[in-house]
Structure formats: C-alpha cells, structure tokens
Protein backbone atom coordinates (compact mmCIF):
# COMPACT_ATOMS: atom_id res chain seq x y z
CA SER A 1 25.75 -41.54 7.73
CA SER A 2 27.36 -38.62 5.95
CA GLY A 3 24.73 -38.78 3.23
CA ARG A 4 21.89 -38.57 5.75
CA ILE A 5 23.52 -35.42 7.28
CA CYS A 6 23.91 -33.71 3.79
CA SER A 7 20.38 -34.58 3.07
CA ILE A 8 18.96 -33.07 6.20
CA LEU A 9 21.12 -29.96 5.89
CA ALA A 10 19.87 -29.50 2.16
CA LEU A 11 16.35 -29.99 3.40
CA VAL A 12 16.86 -27.39 6.26
CA LEU A 13 18.47 -25.01 3.64
CA MET A 14 15.53 -25.41 1.31
CA VAL A 15 12.96 -24.81 3.78
CA TRP A 16 14.76 -21.74 4.92
CA MET A 17 15.12 -20.45 1.41
CA MET A 18 11.38 -21.07 0.76
CA CYS A 19 10.43 -19.16 4.00
CA VAL A 20 12.64 -16.20 2.97
CA GLU A 21 11.18 -16.07 -0.41
CA ILE A 22 7.60 -16.05 0.89
CA TRP A 23 8.55 -13.32 3.29
CA VAL A 24 10.10 -11.10 0.63
CA TYR A 25 7.06 -11.75 -1.68
CA ILE A 26 4.66 -10.77 0.94
CA GLY A 27 6.58 -7.69 1.89
CA GLU A 28 6.74 -6.62 -1.80
CA GLN A 29 3.00 -6.61 -2.33
CA SER A 30 2.39 -3.07 -0.95
CA LYS A 31 5.72 -1.61 -1.27
CA TYR A 32 5.05 0.28 -4.54
CA SER A 33 1.66 1.91 -3.93
CA THR A 34 1.31 5.67 -4.38
CA LYS A 35 -1.85 7.80 -4.08
CA VAL A 36 -1.94 11.47 -5.11
CA ASP A 37 -5.00 13.30 -3.97
CA ILE A 38 -5.31 16.71 -5.64
CA ASP A 39 -8.50 18.82 -5.56
CA THR A 40 -8.78 20.99 -8.69
CA MET A 41 -11.46 22.85 -10.54
CA LEU A 42 -13.83 20.81 -12.71
CA GLY A 43 -12.51 20.31 -16.33
CA SER A 44 -9.16 21.85 -15.81
CA GLN A 45 -5.85 19.77 -16.38
CA LEU A 46 -2.94 19.72 -13.98
CA ARG A 47 0.53 19.11 -15.03
CA LEU A 48 2.29 16.50 -12.84
CA ASN A 49 6.00 15.90 -12.93
CA PHE A 50 7.35 12.74 -11.25
CA ASN A 51 10.55 10.59 -11.31
CA ILE A 52 10.00 7.07 -10.06
CA SER A 53 12.45 4.11 -10.21
CA PHE A 54 11.41 0.47 -10.13
CA PRO A 55 14.70 -1.44 -10.61
CA HIS A 56 12.86 -4.92 -10.85
CA LEU A 57 10.12 -3.73 -13.21
CA HIS A 58 10.52 -3.87 -16.87
CA CYS A 59 9.33 -0.79 -18.85
CA ASP A 60 6.70 -2.89 -20.84
CA PHE A 61 4.80 -3.54 -17.60
CA ALA A 62 4.90 -0.04 -16.30
CA SER A 63 1.71 1.98 -16.88
CA ILE A 64 -0.19 5.05 -15.41
CA ASP A 65 -3.83 5.13 -14.70
CA LEU A 66 -5.68 8.30 -13.88
CA TRP A 67 -9.02 8.65 -11.93
CA ASP A 68 -10.81 11.43 -10.10
CA LYS A 69 -13.52 11.68 -7.42
CA ILE A 70 -16.41 12.10 -9.99
CA GLY A 71 -15.45 8.79 -11.54
CA GLN A 72 -13.49 9.78 -14.78
CA ASN A 73 -10.98 7.16 -15.65
CA GLN A 74 -8.16 7.32 -17.99
CA LEU A 75 -6.21 3.88 -18.35
CA ASP A 76 -2.76 3.39 -19.57
CA VAL A 77 -1.85 7.08 -20.09
CA THR A 78 1.37 7.04 -22.01
CA ARG A 79 1.28 10.32 -23.92
CA ASN A 80 4.18 12.69 -22.69
CA ILE A 81 5.42 9.88 -20.35
CA GLU A 82 9.08 8.89 -20.79
CA LYS A 83 10.42 5.45 -19.64
CA TRP A 84 14.03 4.43 -19.38
CA GLN A 85 15.29 1.06 -18.60
CA LEU A 86 17.66 0.98 -15.69
CA ASP A 87 20.62 -1.24 -16.52
C-alpha cells in the first residue's frame, strides 16, 4: 500500500516537472529577440554600443549578424566586439 502511494506521488511529481520544463522552454524561445531599425545614408557606417547579458548562454555560442534593408548581410561580426563570461 505504501509503495503504491509513493509510486503515484513520484508519477505526479514527474508529470508536473515535465509540464513546468515544457512551459519554461516555450517561454524562453522569444525572450531574447532584439531588432534595431536604423535609417542611415547609403554606404555610411554607424557605431553601435550595446551591453547585453545572457546568463545562460556561453560566449562561444553568442554571435552578431547584421543586415540592412537593401539586403547586405554580415554574418558573425566579431571585430571590435568584446565578450565576458558571467560567473
């Protein structure tokens, strides 16, 4: 009888933990999205200073991609960008 109660409680706890993890995973998908829309003259460069902290993202996985309205893309821009690990 006590084994059955422990098994049922463990099952309920596992289902609850699984639901919480799924809810957190779904909530985190759009949490770190940022869009900067700047209208500048063609061919000019704009200096952009930013300070963003991602406590659960390792520096190796962080990158910056740039693109403009006319379709020019720059992927993984790392020149002049400093990253610090938060411990």
